PDB file of N, CA and C in Angstrom:
ATOM      1  N   UNK A   1      66.912 133.350  33.778  1.00  0.00           N
ATOM      2  CA  UNK A   1      65.995 132.429  34.475  1.00  0.00           C
ATOM      3  C   UNK A   1      64.621 132.698  33.955  1.00  0.00           C
ATOM      4  N   UNK A   2      63.931 131.561  34.084  1.00  0.00           N
ATOM      5  CA  UNK A   2      62.623 131.694  33.568  1.00  0.00           C
ATOM      6  C   UNK A   2      61.541 132.071  34.687  1.00  0.00           C
ATOM      7  N   UNK A   3      60.503 132.910  34.220  1.00  0.00           N
ATOM      8  CA  UNK A   3      59.714 133.439  35.296  1.00  0.00           C
ATOM      9  C   UNK A   3      59.102 132.462  36.414  1.00  0.00           C
ATOM     10  N   UNK A   4      58.859 131.133  35.974  1.00  0.00           N
ATOM     11  CA  UNK A   4      58.342 130.263  36.991  1.00  0.00           C
ATOM     12  C   UNK A   4      59.442 129.824  38.056  1.00  0.00           C
ATOM     13  N   UNK A   5      60.669 129.819  37.673  1.00  0.00           N
ATOM     14  CA  UNK A   5      61.672 129.530  38.572  1.00  0.00           C
ATOM     15  C   UNK A   5      61.832 130.634  39.582  1.00  0.00           C
ATOM     16  N   UNK A   6      61.572 131.887  39.172  1.00  0.00           N
ATOM     17  CA  UNK A   6      61.545 132.906  40.220  1.00  0.00           C
ATOM     18  C   UNK A   6      60.560 132.896  41.279  1.00  0.00           C
ATOM     19  N   UNK A   7      59.477 132.224  40.940  1.00  0.00           N
ATOM     20  CA  UNK A   7      58.349 132.083  41.923  1.00  0.00           C
ATOM     21  C   UNK A   7      58.237 130.867  42.592  1.00  0.00           C
ATOM     22  N   UNK A   8      59.382 130.275  42.928  1.00  0.00           N
ATOM     23  CA  UNK A   8      59.347 128.934  43.570  1.00  0.00           C
ATOM     24  C   UNK A   8      58.535 129.024  44.819  1.00  0.00           C
ATOM     25  N   UNK A   9      57.655 128.100  44.935  1.00  0.00           N
ATOM     26  CA  UNK A   9      56.540 128.100  46.000  1.00  0.00           C
ATOM     27  C   UNK A   9      57.198 128.393  47.497  1.00  0.00           C
ATOM     28  N   UNK A  10      58.142 127.668  47.833  1.00  0.00           N
ATOM     29  CA  UNK A  10      58.684 127.817  49.244  1.00  0.00           C
ATOM     30  C   UNK A  10      59.281 129.154  49.404  1.00  0.00           C
ATOM     31  N   UNK A  11      59.876 129.798  48.448  1.00  0.00           N
ATOM     32  CA  UNK A  11      60.539 131.016  48.474  1.00  0.00           C
ATOM     33  C   UNK A  11      59.395 132.131  48.629  1.00  0.00           C
ATOM     34  N   UNK A  12      58.453 132.003  47.791  1.00  0.00           N
ATOM     35  CA  UNK A  12      57.392 132.979  47.764  1.00  0.00           C
ATOM     36  C   UNK A  12      56.621 133.002  49.066  1.00  0.00           C
ATOM     37  N   UNK A  13      56.416 131.776  49.669  1.00  0.00           N
ATOM     38  CA  UNK A  13      55.662 131.606  50.973  1.00  0.00           C
ATOM     39  C   UNK A  13      56.466 132.292  52.035  1.00  0.00           C
ATOM     40  N   UNK A  14      57.836 131.956  52.038  1.00  0.00           N
ATOM     41  CA  UNK A  14      58.642 132.631  53.096  1.00  0.00           C
ATOM     42  C   UNK A  14      58.677 134.111  53.086  1.00  0.00           C
ATOM     43  N   UNK A  15      58.918 134.628  51.876  1.00  0.00           N
ATOM     44  CA  UNK A  15      58.967 136.084  51.594  1.00  0.00           C
ATOM     45  C   UNK A  15      57.607 136.742  51.950  1.00  0.00           C
ATOM     46  N   UNK A  16      56.479 136.058  51.510  1.00  0.00           N
ATOM     47  CA  UNK A  16      55.236 136.589  51.774  1.00  0.00           C
ATOM     48  C   UNK A  16      54.982 136.641  53.361  1.00  0.00           C
ATOM     49  N   UNK A  17      55.364 135.612  54.040  1.00  0.00           N
ATOM     50  CA  UNK A  17      55.201 135.627  55.453  1.00  0.00           C
ATOM     51  C   UNK A  17      56.020 136.638  56.118  1.00  0.00           C
ATOM     52  N   UNK A  18      57.204 136.905  55.675  1.00  0.00           N
ATOM     53  CA  UNK A  18      58.047 138.058  56.251  1.00  0.00           C
ATOM     54  C   UNK A  18      57.320 139.482  56.073  1.00  0.00           C
ATOM     55  N   UNK A  19      56.603 139.536  54.877  1.00  0.00           N
ATOM     56  CA  UNK A  19      55.948 140.805  54.494  1.00  0.00           C
ATOM     57  C   UNK A  19      54.933 141.096  55.445  1.00  0.00           C
ATOM     58  N   UNK A  20      54.340 140.061  56.090  1.00  0.00           N
ATOM     59  CA  UNK A  20      53.228 140.396  57.054  1.00  0.00           C
ATOM     60  C   UNK A  20      53.677 140.982  58.445  1.00  0.00           C
ATOM     61  N   UNK A  21      55.037 140.959  58.585  1.00  0.00           N
ATOM     62  CA  UNK A  21      55.785 141.465  59.708  1.00  0.00           C
ATOM     63  C   UNK A  21      56.697 142.534  59.358  1.00  0.00           C
ATOM     64  N   UNK A  22      56.226 143.470  58.552  1.00  0.00           N
ATOM     65  CA  UNK A  22      57.131 144.623  58.001  1.00  0.00           C
ATOM     66  C   UNK A  22      57.666 145.387  59.158  1.00  0.00           C
ATOM     67  N   UNK A  23      58.822 145.926  58.921  1.00  0.00           N
ATOM     68  CA  UNK A  23      59.496 146.740  60.019  1.00  0.00           C
ATOM     69  C   UNK A  23      60.481 145.997  60.712  1.00  0.00           C
ATOM     70  N   UNK A  24      60.505 144.797  60.663  1.00  0.00           N
ATOM     71  CA  UNK A  24      61.474 143.910  61.280  1.00  0.00           C
ATOM     72  C   UNK A  24      62.739 143.685  60.376  1.00  0.00           C
ATOM     73  N   UNK A  25      63.841 143.307  61.070  1.00  0.00           N
ATOM     74  CA  UNK A  25      65.110 143.111  60.306  1.00  0.00           C
ATOM     75  C   UNK A  25      65.071 141.650  59.932  1.00  0.00           C
ATOM     76  N   UNK A  26      64.513 141.415  58.752  1.00  0.00           N
ATOM     77  CA  UNK A  26      64.361 139.856  58.422  1.00  0.00           C
ATOM     78  C   UNK A  26      65.663 139.332  57.826  1.00  0.00           C
ATOM     79  N   UNK A  27      65.764 138.106  57.907  1.00  0.00           N
ATOM     80  CA  UNK A  27      66.791 137.364  57.207  1.00  0.00           C
ATOM     81  C   UNK A  27      66.347 137.150  55.844  1.00  0.00           C
ATOM     82  N   UNK A  28      67.317 137.310  54.742  1.00  0.00           N
ATOM     83  CA  UNK A  28      66.909 137.096  53.400  1.00  0.00           C
ATOM     84  C   UNK A  28      66.540 135.621  53.104  1.00  0.00           C
ATOM     85  N   UNK A  29      65.407 135.447  52.242  1.00  0.00           N
ATOM     86  CA  UNK A  29      65.015 134.113  52.106  1.00  0.00           C
ATOM     87  C   UNK A  29      65.280 133.754  50.500  1.00  0.00           C
ATOM     88  N   UNK A  30      65.744 134.548  49.881  1.00  0.00           N
ATOM     89  CA  UNK A  30      66.221 134.206  48.351  1.00  0.00           C
ATOM     90  C   UNK A  30      67.290 135.044  47.877  1.00  0.00           C
ATOM     91  N   UNK A  31      68.154 134.610  47.049  1.00  0.00           N
ATOM     92  CA  UNK A  31      69.214 135.345  46.357  1.00  0.00           C
ATOM     93  C   UNK A  31      68.966 135.187  44.856  1.00  0.00           C
ATOM     94  N   UNK A  32      68.980 136.293  44.142  1.00  0.00           N
ATOM     95  CA  UNK A  32      68.896 136.203  42.614  1.00  0.00           C
ATOM     96  C   UNK A  32      70.216 136.938  42.187  1.00  0.00           C
ATOM     97  N   UNK A  33      70.634 136.503  41.052  1.00  0.00           N
ATOM     98  CA  UNK A  33      71.893 136.918  40.363  1.00  0.00           C
ATOM     99  C   UNK A  33      71.905 137.072  38.868  1.00  0.00           C
ATOM    100  N   UNK A  34      72.641 137.929  38.410  1.00  0.00           N
ATOM    101  CA  UNK A  34      72.901 137.959  36.961  1.00  0.00           C
ATOM    102  C   UNK A  34      74.044 137.106  36.533  1.00  0.00           C
ATOM    103  N   UNK A  35      73.744 136.028  35.850  1.00  0.00           N
ATOM    104  CA  UNK A  35      74.758 134.953  35.598  1.00  0.00           C
ATOM    105  C   UNK A  35      75.991 135.345  34.675  1.00  0.00           C
ATOM    106  N   UNK A  36      75.888 136.479  33.822  1.00  0.00           N
ATOM    107  CA  UNK A  36      76.977 136.845  32.978  1.00  0.00           C
ATOM    108  C   UNK A  36      77.330 138.411  33.126  1.00  0.00           C
ATOM    109  N   UNK A  37      76.819 138.997  34.226  1.00  0.00           N
ATOM    110  CA  UNK A  37      77.219 140.373  34.480  1.00  0.00           C
ATOM    111  C   UNK A  37      76.985 140.801  35.925  1.00  0.00           C
ATOM    112  N   UNK A  38      76.842 142.184  36.068  1.00  0.00           N
ATOM    113  CA  UNK A  38      76.695 142.735  37.398  1.00  0.00           C
ATOM    114  C   UNK A  38      75.138 142.639  37.760  1.00  0.00           C
ATOM    115  N   UNK A  39      74.877 142.266  39.015  1.00  0.00           N
ATOM    116  CA  UNK A  39      73.530 142.283  39.550  1.00  0.00           C
ATOM    117  C   UNK A  39      73.357 141.202  40.599  1.00  0.00           C
ATOM    118  N   UNK A  40      73.041 141.524  41.700  1.00  0.00           N
ATOM    119  CA  UNK A  40      72.712 140.693  42.876  1.00  0.00           C
ATOM    120  C   UNK A  40      71.614 141.211  43.648  1.00  0.00           C
ATOM    121  N   UNK A  41      70.655 140.387  44.028  1.00  0.00           N
ATOM    122  CA  UNK A  41      69.567 140.725  44.826  1.00  0.00           C
ATOM    123  C   UNK A  41      69.243 139.762  46.006  1.00  0.00           C
ATOM    124  N   UNK A  42      69.082 140.286  47.315  1.00  0.00           N
ATOM    125  CA  UNK A  42      68.636 139.544  48.300  1.00  0.00           C
ATOM    126  C   UNK A  42      67.444 139.930  48.733  1.00  0.00           C
ATOM    127  N   UNK A  43      66.474 139.020  48.779  1.00  0.00           N
ATOM    128  CA  UNK A  43      65.041 139.488  49.217  1.00  0.00           C
ATOM    129  C   UNK A  43      64.556 138.949  50.447  1.00  0.00           C
ATOM    130  N   UNK A  44      63.955 139.690  51.249  1.00  0.00           N
ATOM    131  CA  UNK A  44      63.419 139.456  52.585  1.00  0.00           C
ATOM    132  C   UNK A  44      61.846 139.337  52.595  1.00  0.00           C
ATOM    133  N   UNK A  45      61.273 140.146  51.772  1.00  0.00           N
ATOM    134  CA  UNK A  45      59.793 140.233  51.853  1.00  0.00           C
ATOM    135  C   UNK A  45      59.105 140.330  50.477  1.00  0.00           C
ATOM    136  N   UNK A  46      57.880 139.790  50.407  1.00  0.00           N
ATOM    137  CA  UNK A  46      57.153 139.890  49.112  1.00  0.00           C
ATOM    138  C   UNK A  46      55.859 140.569  49.577  1.00  0.00           C
ATOM    139  N   UNK A  47      55.559 141.683  48.877  1.00  0.00           N
ATOM    140  CA  UNK A  47      54.310 142.496  49.071  1.00  0.00           C
ATOM    141  C   UNK A  47      53.100 141.491  48.669  1.00  0.00           C
ATOM    142  N   UNK A  48      51.933 141.966  49.190  1.00  0.00           N
ATOM    143  CA  UNK A  48      50.762 141.300  49.044  1.00  0.00           C
ATOM    144  C   UNK A  48      50.409 141.164  47.497  1.00  0.00           C
ATOM    145  N   UNK A  49      50.871 142.054  46.732  1.00  0.00           N
ATOM    146  CA  UNK A  49      50.610 142.041  45.436  1.00  0.00           C
ATOM    147  C   UNK A  49      51.338 140.948  44.608  1.00  0.00           C
ATOM    148  N   UNK A  50      52.219 140.180  45.284  1.00  0.00           N
ATOM    149  CA  UNK A  50      52.949 139.119  44.703  1.00  0.00           C
ATOM    150  C   UNK A  50      54.153 139.445  43.749  1.00  0.00           C
ATOM    151  N   UNK A  51      54.351 140.803  43.611  1.00  0.00           N
ATOM    152  CA  UNK A  51      55.357 141.255  42.653  1.00  0.00           C
ATOM    153  C   UNK A  51      56.464 142.049  43.304  1.00  0.00           C
ATOM    154  N   UNK A  52      56.243 142.831  44.211  1.00  0.00           N
ATOM    155  CA  UNK A  52      57.200 143.774  44.813  1.00  0.00           C
ATOM    156  C   UNK A  52      57.911 143.104  45.979  1.00  0.00           C
ATOM    157  N   UNK A  53      59.140 142.964  45.841  1.00  0.00           N
ATOM    158  CA  UNK A  53      60.042 142.417  46.864  1.00  0.00           C
ATOM    159  C   UNK A  53      60.841 143.418  47.562  1.00  0.00           C
ATOM    160  N   UNK A  54      61.148 143.266  48.752  1.00  0.00           N
ATOM    161  CA  UNK A  54      62.080 144.208  49.478  1.00  0.00           C
ATOM    162  C   UNK A  54      63.352 143.475  49.929  1.00  0.00           C
ATOM    163  N   UNK A  55      64.420 144.183  49.730  1.00  0.00           N
ATOM    164  CA  UNK A  55      65.719 143.608  50.144  1.00  0.00           C
ATOM    165  C   UNK A  55      66.906 144.413  49.773  1.00  0.00           C
ATOM    166  N   UNK A  56      68.034 143.808  49.492  1.00  0.00           N
ATOM    167  CA  UNK A  56      69.315 144.428  49.176  1.00  0.00           C
ATOM    168  C   UNK A  56      69.599 144.150  47.628  1.00  0.00           C
ATOM    169  N   UNK A  57      69.867 145.253  47.022  1.00  0.00           N
ATOM    170  CA  UNK A  57      70.144 144.980  45.597  1.00  0.00           C
ATOM    171  C   UNK A  57      71.520 145.683  45.145  1.00  0.00           C
ATOM    172  N   UNK A  58      72.252 145.034  44.440  1.00  0.00           N
ATOM    173  CA  UNK A  58      73.599 145.607  43.959  1.00  0.00           C
ATOM    174  C   UNK A  58      73.587 145.606  42.424  1.00  0.00           C
ATOM    175  N   UNK A  59      73.574 146.880  41.983  1.00  0.00           N
ATOM    176  CA  UNK A  59      73.820 147.152  40.517  1.00  0.00           C
ATOM    177  C   UNK A  59      74.889 148.137  40.442  1.00  0.00           C
ATOM    178  N   UNK A  60      75.933 147.791  39.626  1.00  0.00           N
ATOM    179  CA  UNK A  60      77.140 148.785  39.501  1.00  0.00           C
ATOM    180  C   UNK A  60      77.815 149.035  40.821  1.00  0.00           C
ATOM    181  N   UNK A  61      78.151 148.131  41.485  1.00  0.00           N
ATOM    182  CA  UNK A  61      79.021 148.244  42.804  1.00  0.00           C
ATOM    183  C   UNK A  61      78.389 149.262  43.815  1.00  0.00           C
ATOM    184  N   UNK A  62      77.025 149.297  43.846  1.00  0.00           N
ATOM    185  CA  UNK A  62      76.434 150.217  44.855  1.00  0.00           C
ATOM    186  C   UNK A  62      75.232 149.492  45.578  1.00  0.00           C
ATOM    187  N   UNK A  63      75.593 148.698  46.534  1.00  0.00           N
ATOM    188  CA  UNK A  63      74.518 147.974  47.234  1.00  0.00           C
ATOM    189  C   UNK A  63      73.563 148.942  48.002  1.00  0.00           C
ATOM    190  N   UNK A  64      72.197 148.682  47.839  1.00  0.00           N
ATOM    191  CA  UNK A  64      71.260 149.620  48.403  1.00  0.00           C
ATOM    192  C   UNK A  64      70.069 148.757  48.823  1.00  0.00           C
ATOM    193  N   UNK A  65      69.468 149.114  49.954  1.00  0.00           N
ATOM    194  CA  UNK A  65      68.164 148.564  50.507  1.00  0.00           C
ATOM    195  C   UNK A  65      67.061 149.181  49.720  1.00  0.00           C
ATOM    196  N   UNK A  66      65.976 148.410  49.321  1.00  0.00           N
ATOM    197  CA  UNK A  66      64.986 148.955  48.596  1.00  0.00           C
ATOM    198  C   UNK A  66      64.078 147.894  48.030  1.00  0.00           C
ATOM    199  N   UNK A  67      63.097 148.487  47.285  1.00  0.00           N
ATOM    200  CA  UNK A  67      62.082 147.474  46.567  1.00  0.00           C
ATOM    201  C   UNK A  67      62.477 147.262  45.100  1.00  0.00           C
ATOM    202  N   UNK A  68      62.131 146.004  44.647  1.00  0.00           N
ATOM    203  CA  UNK A  68      62.293 145.692  43.216  1.00  0.00           C
ATOM    204  C   UNK A  68      61.287 144.751  42.777  1.00  0.00           C
ATOM    205  N   UNK A  69      61.066 144.684  41.529  1.00  0.00           N
ATOM    206  CA  UNK A  69      59.832 143.947  40.905  1.00  0.00           C
ATOM    207  C   UNK A  69      60.256 142.472  40.575  1.00  0.00           C
ATOM    208  N   UNK A  70      59.563 141.443  41.052  1.00  0.00           N
ATOM    209  CA  UNK A  70      59.848 140.095  40.647  1.00  0.00           C
ATOM    210  C   UNK A  70      59.521 139.913  39.189  1.00  0.00           C
ATOM    211  N   UNK A  71      58.542 140.538  38.658  1.00  0.00           N
ATOM    212  CA  UNK A  71      58.192 140.435  37.222  1.00  0.00           C
ATOM    213  C   UNK A  71      59.315 140.993  36.386  1.00  0.00           C
ATOM    214  N   UNK A  72      59.935 142.128  36.849  1.00  0.00           N
ATOM    215  CA  UNK A  72      60.913 142.824  35.939  1.00  0.00           C
ATOM    216  C   UNK A  72      62.161 141.869  35.935  1.00  0.00           C
ATOM    217  N   UNK A  73      62.508 141.251  37.109  1.00  0.00           N
ATOM    218  CA  UNK A  73      63.613 140.388  37.156  1.00  0.00           C
ATOM    219  C   UNK A  73      63.375 139.164  36.224  1.00  0.00           C
ATOM    220  N   UNK A  74      62.193 138.672  36.174  1.00  0.00           N
ATOM    221  CA  UNK A  74      61.853 137.490  35.434  1.00  0.00           C
ATOM    222  C   UNK A  74      61.774 137.779  33.990  1.00  0.00           C
ATOM    223  N   UNK A  75      61.499 139.071  33.597  1.00  0.00           N
ATOM    224  CA  UNK A  75      61.475 139.388  32.156  1.00  0.00           C
ATOM    225  C   UNK A  75      62.756 140.037  31.647  1.00  0.00           C
ATOM    226  N   UNK A  76      63.711 140.152  32.356  1.00  0.00           N
ATOM    227  CA  UNK A  76      64.995 140.850  31.825  1.00  0.00           C
ATOM    228  C   UNK A  76      65.592 140.016  30.712  1.00  0.00           C
ATOM    229  N   UNK A  77      65.911 140.635  29.651  1.00  0.00           N
ATOM    230  CA  UNK A  77      66.558 139.784  28.645  1.00  0.00           C
ATOM    231  C   UNK A  77      68.029 140.088  28.702  1.00  0.00           C
ATOM    232  N   UNK A  78      68.774 138.922  28.824  1.00  0.00           N
ATOM    233  CA  UNK A  78      70.214 138.916  29.009  1.00  0.00           C
ATOM    234  C   UNK A  78      70.886 138.290  27.759  1.00  0.00           C
ATOM    235  N   UNK A  79      72.217 138.537  27.622  1.00  0.00           N
ATOM    236  CA  UNK A  79      72.899 137.887  26.571  1.00  0.00           C
ATOM    237  C   UNK A  79      72.744 136.359  26.537  1.00  0.00           C
ATOM    238  N   UNK A  80      72.943 135.902  25.361  1.00  0.00           N
ATOM    239  CA  UNK A  80      72.899 134.481  25.102  1.00  0.00           C
ATOM    240  C   UNK A  80      71.653 133.648  25.533  1.00  0.00           C
ATOM    241  N   UNK A  81      70.543 134.430  25.617  1.00  0.00           N
ATOM    242  CA  UNK A  81      69.239 133.859  25.865  1.00  0.00           C
ATOM    243  C   UNK A  81      69.040 133.565  27.478  1.00  0.00           C
ATOM    244  N   UNK A  82      70.038 133.948  28.374  1.00  0.00           N
ATOM    245  CA  UNK A  82      69.969 133.799  29.714  1.00  0.00           C
ATOM    246  C   UNK A  82      68.964 134.506  30.388  1.00  0.00           C
ATOM    247  N   UNK A  83      68.761 134.182  31.714  1.00  0.00           N
ATOM    248  CA  UNK A  83      67.794 134.862  32.453  1.00  0.00           C
ATOM    249  C   UNK A  83      68.407 135.102  33.808  1.00  0.00           C
ATOM    250  N   UNK A  84      67.766 136.015  34.738  1.00  0.00           N
ATOM    251  CA  UNK A  84      68.266 136.184  36.143  1.00  0.00           C
ATOM    252  C   UNK A  84      67.999 134.791  36.709  1.00  0.00           C
ATOM    253  N   UNK A  85      68.937 134.414  37.593  1.00  0.00           N
ATOM    254  CA  UNK A  85      68.795 133.100  38.193  1.00  0.00           C
ATOM    255  C   UNK A  85      68.674 133.124  39.643  1.00  0.00           C
ATOM    256  N   UNK A  86      68.022 132.207  40.302  1.00  0.00           N
ATOM    257  CA  UNK A  86      67.941 132.149  41.717  1.00  0.00           C
ATOM    258  C   UNK A  86      69.031 131.240  42.124  1.00  0.00           C
ATOM    259  N   UNK A  87      69.695 131.592  43.257  1.00  0.00           N
ATOM    260  CA  UNK A  87      70.732 130.853  43.853  1.00  0.00           C
ATOM    261  C   UNK A  87      70.260 129.658  44.707  1.00  0.00           C
ATOM    262  N   UNK A  88      70.214 128.559  44.248  1.00  0.00           N
ATOM    263  CA  UNK A  88      69.646 127.351  44.889  1.00  0.00           C
ATOM    264  C   UNK A  88      70.408 127.023  46.057  1.00  0.00           C
ATOM    265  N   UNK A  89      71.667 127.490  46.186  1.00  0.00           N
ATOM    266  CA  UNK A  89      72.425 127.183  47.452  1.00  0.00           C
ATOM    267  C   UNK A  89      72.469 128.134  48.409  1.00  0.00           C
ATOM    268  N   UNK A  90      71.855 129.262  48.320  1.00  0.00           N
ATOM    269  CA  UNK A  90      71.827 130.446  49.275  1.00  0.00           C
ATOM    270  C   UNK A  90      70.930 130.014  50.296  1.00  0.00           C
ATOM    271  N   UNK A  91      71.415 130.249  51.598  1.00  0.00           N
ATOM    272  CA  UNK A  91      70.587 130.152  52.833  1.00  0.00           C
ATOM    273  C   UNK A  91      70.836 131.343  53.624  1.00  0.00           C
ATOM    274  N   UNK A  92      69.916 132.236  53.755  1.00  0.00           N
ATOM    275  CA  UNK A  92      70.091 133.392  54.640  1.00  0.00           C
ATOM    276  C   UNK A  92      70.355 133.076  56.142  1.00  0.00           C
ATOM    277  N   UNK A  93      71.467 133.621  56.652  1.00  0.00           N
ATOM    278  CA  UNK A  93      71.813 133.393  58.072  1.00  0.00           C
ATOM    279  C   UNK A  93      71.784 134.504  58.974  1.00  0.00           C
ATOM    280  N   UNK A  94      71.780 135.770  58.460  1.00  0.00           N
ATOM    281  CA  UNK A  94      71.879 136.960  59.176  1.00  0.00           C
ATOM    282  C   UNK A  94      70.808 137.947  58.749  1.00  0.00           C
ATOM    283  N   UNK A  95      70.457 138.876  59.614  1.00  0.00           N
ATOM    284  CA  UNK A  95      69.394 139.973  59.145  1.00  0.00           C
ATOM    285  C   UNK A  95      69.982 140.638  58.009  1.00  0.00           C
ATOM    286  N   UNK A  96      68.958 141.154  57.191  1.00  0.00           N
ATOM    287  CA  UNK A  96      69.472 141.999  55.998  1.00  0.00           C
ATOM    288  C   UNK A  96      70.288 143.224  56.327  1.00  0.00           C
ATOM    289  N   UNK A  97      70.130 143.791  57.579  1.00  0.00           N
ATOM    290  CA  UNK A  97      70.968 144.942  57.912  1.00  0.00           C
ATOM    291  C   UNK A  97      72.576 144.495  57.931  1.00  0.00           C
ATOM    292  N   UNK A  98      72.843 143.181  58.347  1.00  0.00           N
ATOM    293  CA  UNK A  98      74.119 142.751  58.418  1.00  0.00           C
ATOM    294  C   UNK A  98      74.662 142.609  57.001  1.00  0.00           C
ATOM    295  N   UNK A  99      73.743 142.076  56.126  1.00  0.00           N
ATOM    296  CA  UNK A  99      74.332 141.917  54.705  1.00  0.00           C
ATOM    297  C   UNK A  99      74.591 143.316  54.160  1.00  0.00           C
ATOM    298  N   UNK A 100      73.586 144.368  54.360  1.00  0.00           N
ATOM    299  CA  UNK A 100      73.780 145.621  53.898  1.00  0.00           C
ATOM    300  C   UNK A 100      75.000 146.323  54.421  1.00  0.00           C
ATOM    301  N   UNK A 101      75.363 146.119  55.691  1.00  0.00           N
ATOM    302  CA  UNK A 101      76.456 146.837  56.173  1.00  0.00           C
ATOM    303  C   UNK A 101      77.811 146.217  55.613  1.00  0.00           C
ATOM    304  N   UNK A 102      77.849 144.899  55.415  1.00  0.00           N
ATOM    305  CA  UNK A 102      78.972 144.385  55.055  1.00  0.00           C
ATOM    306  C   UNK A 102      79.128 144.559  53.475  1.00  0.00           C
ATOM    307  N   UNK A 103      77.970 144.662  52.723  1.00  0.00           N
ATOM    308  CA  UNK A 103      78.144 144.933  51.242  1.00  0.00           C
ATOM    309  C   UNK A 103      78.472 146.362  51.035  1.00  0.00           C
ATOM    310  N   UNK A 104      78.115 147.246  51.892  1.00  0.00           N
ATOM    311  CA  UNK A 104      78.534 148.662  51.719  1.00  0.00           C
ATOM    312  C   UNK A 104      80.020 148.792  51.931  1.00  0.00           C
ATOM    313  N   UNK A 105      80.472 148.027  52.871  1.00  0.00           N
ATOM    314  CA  UNK A 105      81.904 148.095  53.242  1.00  0.00           C
ATOM    315  C   UNK A 105      82.796 147.479  52.224  1.00  0.00           C
ATOM    316  N   UNK A 106      82.282 146.385  51.441  1.00  0.00           N
ATOM    317  CA  UNK A 106      83.131 145.707  50.608  1.00  0.00           C
ATOM    318  C   UNK A 106      82.754 146.042  48.995  1.00  0.00           C
ATOM    319  N   UNK A 107      81.510 146.802  48.988  1.00  0.00           N
ATOM    320  CA  UNK A 107      81.080 147.118  47.613  1.00  0.00           C
ATOM    321  C   UNK A 107      80.395 146.050  46.863  1.00  0.00           C
ATOM    322  N   UNK A 108      80.140 144.897  47.538  1.00  0.00           N
ATOM    323  CA  UNK A 108      79.640 143.789  46.857  1.00  0.00           C
ATOM    324  C   UNK A 108      78.826 142.920  47.711  1.00  0.00           C
ATOM    325  N   UNK A 109      77.702 142.474  47.301  1.00  0.00           N
ATOM    326  CA  UNK A 109      76.780 141.475  48.109  1.00  0.00           C
ATOM    327  C   UNK A 109      77.540 140.128  48.110  1.00  0.00           C
ATOM    328  N   UNK A 110      78.157 139.696  46.964  1.00  0.00           N
ATOM    329  CA  UNK A 110      78.826 138.434  47.050  1.00  0.00           C
ATOM    330  C   UNK A 110      79.857 138.458  48.063  1.00  0.00           C
ATOM    331  N   UNK A 111      80.680 139.524  48.096  1.00  0.00           N
ATOM    332  CA  UNK A 111      81.831 139.537  49.060  1.00  0.00           C
ATOM    333  C   UNK A 111      81.224 139.537  50.542  1.00  0.00           C
ATOM    334  N   UNK A 112      80.186 140.175  50.652  1.00  0.00           N
ATOM    335  CA  UNK A 112      79.464 140.355  52.014  1.00  0.00           C
ATOM    336  C   UNK A 112      79.073 138.830  52.513  1.00  0.00           C
ATOM    337  N   UNK A 113      78.490 138.174  51.568  1.00  0.00           N
ATOM    338  CA  UNK A 113      77.936 136.840  51.990  1.00  0.00           C
ATOM    339  C   UNK A 113      79.181 135.968  52.328  1.00  0.00           C
ATOM    340  N   UNK A 114      80.240 136.147  51.533  1.00  0.00           N
ATOM    341  CA  UNK A 114      81.442 135.283  51.834  1.00  0.00           C
ATOM    342  C   UNK A 114      82.041 135.620  53.280  1.00  0.00           C
ATOM    343  N   UNK A 115      82.235 136.938  53.558  1.00  0.00           N
ATOM    344  CA  UNK A 115      82.689 137.378  54.853  1.00  0.00           C
ATOM    345  C   UNK A 115      81.804 136.869  55.977  1.00  0.00           C
ATOM    346  N   UNK A 116      80.493 137.130  55.867  1.00  0.00           N
ATOM    347  CA  UNK A 116      79.638 136.762  56.967  1.00  0.00           C
ATOM    348  C   UNK A 116      79.551 135.264  57.030  1.00  0.00           C
ATOM    349  N   UNK A 117      79.692 134.496  56.024  1.00  0.00           N
ATOM    350  CA  UNK A 117      79.663 133.000  56.101  1.00  0.00           C
ATOM    351  C   UNK A 117      80.946 132.502  56.735  1.00  0.00           C
ATOM    352  N   UNK A 118      82.039 133.137  56.386  1.00  0.00           N
ATOM    353  CA  UNK A 118      83.346 132.704  57.105  1.00  0.00           C
ATOM    354  C   UNK A 118      83.309 133.027  58.558  1.00  0.00           C
ATOM    355  N   UNK A 119      82.811 134.273  58.892  1.00  0.00           N
ATOM    356  CA  UNK A 119      82.718 134.616  60.330  1.00  0.00           C
ATOM    357  C   UNK A 119      81.774 133.690  61.149  1.00  0.00           C
ATOM    358  N   UNK A 120      80.683 133.271  60.456  1.00  0.00           N
ATOM    359  CA  UNK A 120      79.830 132.333  61.264  1.00  0.00           C
ATOM    360  C   UNK A 120      80.463 130.913  61.335  1.00  0.00           C
ATOM    361  N   UNK A 121      81.276 130.544  60.287  1.00  0.00           N
ATOM    362  CA  UNK A 121      82.040 129.220  60.382  1.00  0.00           C
ATOM    363  C   UNK A 121      82.999 129.202  61.435  1.00  0.00           C
ATOM    364  N   UNK A 122      83.768 130.381  61.603  1.00  0.00           N
ATOM    365  CA  UNK A 122      84.791 130.520  62.529  1.00  0.00           C
ATOM    366  C   UNK A 122      84.232 130.467  63.952  1.00  0.00           C
ATOM    367  N   UNK A 123      83.100 131.204  64.123  1.00  0.00           N
ATOM    368  CA  UNK A 123      82.414 131.208  65.435  1.00  0.00           C
ATOM    369  C   UNK A 123      81.930 129.889  65.880  1.00  0.00           C
ATOM    370  N   UNK A 124      81.393 129.011  64.909  1.00  0.00           N
ATOM    371  CA  UNK A 124      80.991 127.744  65.159  1.00  0.00           C
ATOM    372  C   UNK A 124      82.184 126.841  65.591  1.00  0.00           C
ATOM    373  N   UNK A 125      83.222 127.076  64.862  1.00  0.00           N
ATOM    374  CA  UNK A 125      84.511 126.316  65.229  1.00  0.00           C
ATOM    375  C   UNK A 125      85.020 126.480  66.540  1.00  0.00           C
ATOM    376  N   UNK A 126      84.892 127.779  67.108  1.00  0.00           N
ATOM    377  CA  UNK A 126      85.363 128.098  68.375  1.00  0.00           C
ATOM    378  C   UNK A 126      84.541 127.490  69.471  1.00  0.00           C
ATOM    379  N   UNK A 127      83.176 127.360  69.154  1.00  0.00           N
ATOM    380  CA  UNK A 127      82.226 126.818  70.086  1.00  0.00           C
ATOM    381  C   UNK A 127      82.218 125.391  70.203  1.00  0.00           C
ATOM    382  N   UNK A 128      82.889 124.819  69.276  1.00  0.00           N
ATOM    383  CA  UNK A 128      82.807 123.218  69.220  1.00  0.00           C
ATOM    384  C   UNK A 128      83.878 122.613  70.155  1.00  0.00           C
TER     385      UNK A 128
END
């Protein structure tokens, strides 16, 4: 993914806004992923420096909460000239703690997203 795609204005504003209320269990506002390998990141907050994100990262089947650099994601050199990509279809629906718990249980952020989305869909179906 090209660096300017990582800093999509709406996403940066939402993550920055969350950063002003640190300590809360925010809903992720953006998902990044490695298109040809292992690596998924859900971000909830962007520090005032405009580079450091906080969220859930999965590398080598070990999902962890922590900080990561937007610049580093943007400058990673991947095979075939590819870049880290932003999932344009991701919409966070749960607090980051729910994604973290599900990801630790499954070993995968992608599986956690699928499980939580299915649970939300089932709940909506019962309420209709």
